[in-house]
Amino acid sequence: MAKNDNNSEKKYMKENKETMQPSPEQKDGIEEPNVKEYGKVQGGLVAFVILVIIIIIVLVSTDMFGLLN
């Protein structure tokens, strides 16, 4: 009996594999965002923050704010 079940299972799997359709390139529904462009924005933000920190250090060290009385 088990041998008969095994044969029918293999036959079922073979039939399903032949009728299965490949997944479409254009998926329906919600898609994940394209994150490739975030690298440029993130790099620019890091450069801007470093530049601001350098400017603040230079201004404080030259006593532009009058903090070193």
Protein backbone atom coordinates (compact mmCIF):
# COMPACT_ATOMS: atom_id res chain seq x y z
CA MET A 1 0.00 0.00 0.00
CA ALA A 2 2.83 2.40 0.84
CA LYS A 3 4.46 1.75 -2.53
CA ASN A 4 1.27 2.72 -4.34
CA ASP A 5 1.05 5.98 -2.33
CA ASN A 6 4.65 6.79 -3.13
CA ASN A 7 4.08 6.31 -6.88
CA SER A 8 0.99 8.50 -6.88
CA GLU A 9 2.87 11.17 -4.93
CA LYS A 10 5.71 11.17 -7.48
CA LYS A 11 3.21 11.33 -10.35
CA TYR A 12 1.41 14.26 -8.67
CA MET A 13 4.69 16.13 -8.11
CA LYS A 14 5.76 15.56 -11.73
CA GLU A 15 2.44 16.87 -13.07
CA ASN A 16 2.60 19.94 -10.85
CA LYS A 17 6.20 20.72 -11.85
CA GLU A 18 5.22 20.64 -15.53
CA THR A 19 2.24 22.97 -15.07
CA MET A 20 3.94 25.45 -12.71
CA GLN A 21 4.54 28.90 -14.15
CA PRO A 22 7.76 30.77 -13.42
CA SER A 23 7.42 33.80 -11.18
CA PRO A 24 6.81 36.98 -13.19
CA GLU A 25 9.46 39.69 -13.43
CA GLN A 26 6.94 42.41 -12.62
CA LYS A 27 5.46 41.47 -9.27
CA ASP A 28 2.02 42.60 -8.24
CA GLY A 29 1.39 44.35 -4.95
CA ILE A 30 3.81 46.13 -2.69
CA GLU A 31 7.41 46.16 -3.87
CA GLU A 32 10.51 46.78 -1.82
CA PRO A 33 12.02 50.22 -2.45
CA ASN A 34 15.08 50.60 -4.61
CA VAL A 35 17.77 51.43 -2.05
CA LYS A 36 20.66 51.87 -4.49
CA GLU A 37 20.21 55.65 -4.62
CA TYR A 38 20.36 56.08 -0.84
CA GLY A 39 24.15 55.61 -0.92
CA LYS A 40 24.70 58.97 -2.64
CA VAL A 41 22.41 60.79 -0.22
CA GLN A 42 24.00 59.09 2.78
CA GLY A 43 27.51 59.92 1.56
CA GLY A 44 26.58 63.56 1.06
CA LEU A 45 25.02 63.73 4.51
CA VAL A 46 28.14 62.28 6.14
CA ALA A 47 30.36 64.76 4.26
CA PHE A 48 28.11 67.65 5.32
CA VAL A 49 28.15 66.63 9.00
CA ILE A 50 31.96 66.28 8.98
CA LEU A 51 32.29 69.70 7.33
CA VAL A 52 30.01 71.32 9.94
CA ILE A 53 31.96 69.72 12.80
CA ILE A 54 35.26 70.98 11.33
CA ILE A 55 33.86 74.51 10.96
CA ILE A 56 32.60 74.52 14.57
CA ILE A 57 35.98 73.29 15.86
CA VAL A 58 37.82 76.00 13.90
CA LEU A 59 35.46 78.75 15.09
CA VAL A 60 35.68 77.68 18.75
CA SER A 61 39.47 77.31 18.62
CA THR A 62 39.89 80.82 17.15
CA ASP A 63 37.52 82.22 19.83
CA MET A 64 35.00 83.53 17.31
CA PHE A 65 32.16 83.00 19.81
CA GLY A 66 33.96 84.67 22.73
CA LEU A 67 33.89 81.50 24.81
CA LEU A 68 37.56 81.55 25.81
CA ASN A 69 37.68 84.69 27.98
